[in-house]
Amino acid sequence: MDDEYRIGTVHSVNENKRTARVKYDQLDNMISAELKVLWQDEEWLPEVNETVLCLCPHGWDGDGFVIGRL
């Protein structure tokens, strides 16, 4: 499986779409496309500057997910 887990810092949040853009320090501060935020038991959205764990299938950023905070 080519899924890639990444740790990053939330750059921006779109509450209406339930998406976030994430900055990856280990990838020369690259900022992701809008990633879908997975629904938790509570109605959680990450905050700007919060550290999060992301899943980017096959290494692509446009199809990724924010799966939780760290």
C-alpha atoms as a PDB file:
ATOM      1  CA  MET A   1       0.000   0.000   0.000  1.00  0.00           C
ATOM      2  CA  ASP A   2       1.393   3.406  -0.967  1.00  0.00           C
ATOM      3  CA  ASP A   3      -0.510   5.437   1.649  1.00  0.00           C
ATOM      4  CA  GLU A   4       1.562   8.111   3.281  1.00  0.00           C
ATOM      5  CA  TYR A   5       1.064   9.397   6.798  1.00  0.00           C
ATOM      6  CA  ARG A   6       2.268  12.933   7.461  1.00  0.00           C
ATOM      7  CA  ILE A   7       2.495  15.223  10.470  1.00  0.00           C
ATOM      8  CA  GLY A   8       1.960  18.906   9.859  1.00  0.00           C
ATOM      9  CA  THR A   9       0.726  22.226  11.174  1.00  0.00           C
ATOM     10  CA  VAL A  10      -2.697  23.551  10.189  1.00  0.00           C
ATOM     11  CA  HIS A  11      -2.274  26.544   7.872  1.00  0.00           C
ATOM     12  CA  SER A  12      -5.962  27.353   7.274  1.00  0.00           C
ATOM     13  CA  VAL A  13      -9.434  25.895   7.889  1.00  0.00           C
ATOM     14  CA  ASN A  14     -12.586  26.075   5.749  1.00  0.00           C
ATOM     15  CA  GLU A  15     -15.446  25.423   8.187  1.00  0.00           C
ATOM     16  CA  ASN A  16     -18.137  25.282   5.484  1.00  0.00           C
ATOM     17  CA  LYS A  17     -16.363  22.542   3.524  1.00  0.00           C
ATOM     18  CA  ARG A  18     -14.882  20.832   6.658  1.00  0.00           C
ATOM     19  CA  THR A  19     -11.395  21.020   5.086  1.00  0.00           C
ATOM     20  CA  ALA A  20      -7.977  22.219   6.173  1.00  0.00           C
ATOM     21  CA  ARG A  21      -4.694  23.097   4.477  1.00  0.00           C
ATOM     22  CA  VAL A  22      -1.636  21.756   6.262  1.00  0.00           C
ATOM     23  CA  LYS A  23       2.027  22.856   6.200  1.00  0.00           C
ATOM     24  CA  TYR A  24       4.547  19.989   6.209  1.00  0.00           C
ATOM     25  CA  ASP A  25       7.908  20.948   7.739  1.00  0.00           C
ATOM     26  CA  GLN A  26       9.549  17.737   6.496  1.00  0.00           C
ATOM     27  CA  LEU A  27       8.578  18.638   2.910  1.00  0.00           C
ATOM     28  CA  ASP A  28      10.252  22.066   2.793  1.00  0.00           C
ATOM     29  CA  ASN A  29       7.188  23.779   4.331  1.00  0.00           C
ATOM     30  CA  MET A  30       4.940  22.654   1.476  1.00  0.00           C
ATOM     31  CA  ILE A  31       1.280  23.599   2.037  1.00  0.00           C
ATOM     32  CA  SER A  32      -1.249  20.946   1.082  1.00  0.00           C
ATOM     33  CA  ALA A  33      -4.365  21.269  -0.988  1.00  0.00           C
ATOM     34  CA  GLU A  34      -7.621  21.322   0.991  1.00  0.00           C
ATOM     35  CA  LEU A  35      -7.758  18.055   2.948  1.00  0.00           C
ATOM     36  CA  LYS A  36     -11.042  16.634   4.214  1.00  0.00           C
ATOM     37  CA  VAL A  37     -11.308  16.575   8.023  1.00  0.00           C
ATOM     38  CA  LEU A  38     -12.562  13.190   9.227  1.00  0.00           C
ATOM     39  CA  TRP A  39     -15.651  13.274  11.403  1.00  0.00           C
ATOM     40  CA  GLN A  40     -14.884  12.400  15.023  1.00  0.00           C
ATOM     41  CA  ASP A  41     -17.268  11.458  17.866  1.00  0.00           C
ATOM     42  CA  GLU A  42     -17.539  15.191  18.427  1.00  0.00           C
ATOM     43  CA  GLU A  43     -17.878  17.914  15.818  1.00  0.00           C
ATOM     44  CA  TRP A  44     -14.152  18.675  15.758  1.00  0.00           C
ATOM     45  CA  LEU A  45     -12.291  20.915  13.342  1.00  0.00           C
ATOM     46  CA  PRO A  46      -8.591  21.645  13.749  1.00  0.00           C
ATOM     47  CA  GLU A  47      -7.398  25.119  14.638  1.00  0.00           C
ATOM     48  CA  VAL A  48      -4.732  27.130  12.803  1.00  0.00           C
ATOM     49  CA  ASN A  49      -1.246  26.236  14.139  1.00  0.00           C
ATOM     50  CA  GLU A  50      -2.492  22.940  15.618  1.00  0.00           C
ATOM     51  CA  THR A  51      -0.346  19.856  14.916  1.00  0.00           C
ATOM     52  CA  VAL A  52      -2.292  17.167  13.047  1.00  0.00           C
ATOM     53  CA  LEU A  53      -1.836  13.715  11.546  1.00  0.00           C
ATOM     54  CA  CYS A  54      -2.771  13.401   7.870  1.00  0.00           C
ATOM     55  CA  LEU A  55      -3.259  10.506   5.495  1.00  0.00           C
ATOM     56  CA  CYS A  56      -2.421  11.212   1.853  1.00  0.00           C
ATOM     57  CA  PRO A  57      -3.250   8.148  -0.291  1.00  0.00           C
ATOM     58  CA  HIS A  58      -0.483   7.381  -2.750  1.00  0.00           C
ATOM     59  CA  GLY A  59       1.332  10.546  -1.622  1.00  0.00           C
ATOM     60  CA  TRP A  60      -1.161  12.868  -3.345  1.00  0.00           C
ATOM     61  CA  ASP A  61      -2.176  15.942  -1.385  1.00  0.00           C
ATOM     62  CA  GLY A  62      -5.500  16.699  -3.046  1.00  0.00           C
ATOM     63  CA  ASP A  63      -7.080  13.414  -1.966  1.00  0.00           C
ATOM     64  CA  GLY A  64      -5.871  13.485   1.630  1.00  0.00           C
ATOM     65  CA  PHE A  65      -7.504  13.568   5.031  1.00  0.00           C
ATOM     66  CA  VAL A  66      -6.797  15.175   8.389  1.00  0.00           C
ATOM     67  CA  ILE A  67      -7.390  12.225  10.717  1.00  0.00           C
ATOM     68  CA  GLY A  68      -6.717  13.801  14.107  1.00  0.00           C
ATOM     69  CA  ARG A  69      -4.702  16.136  16.289  1.00  0.00           C
ATOM     70  CA  LEU A  70      -1.482  15.269  18.069  1.00  0.00           C
END
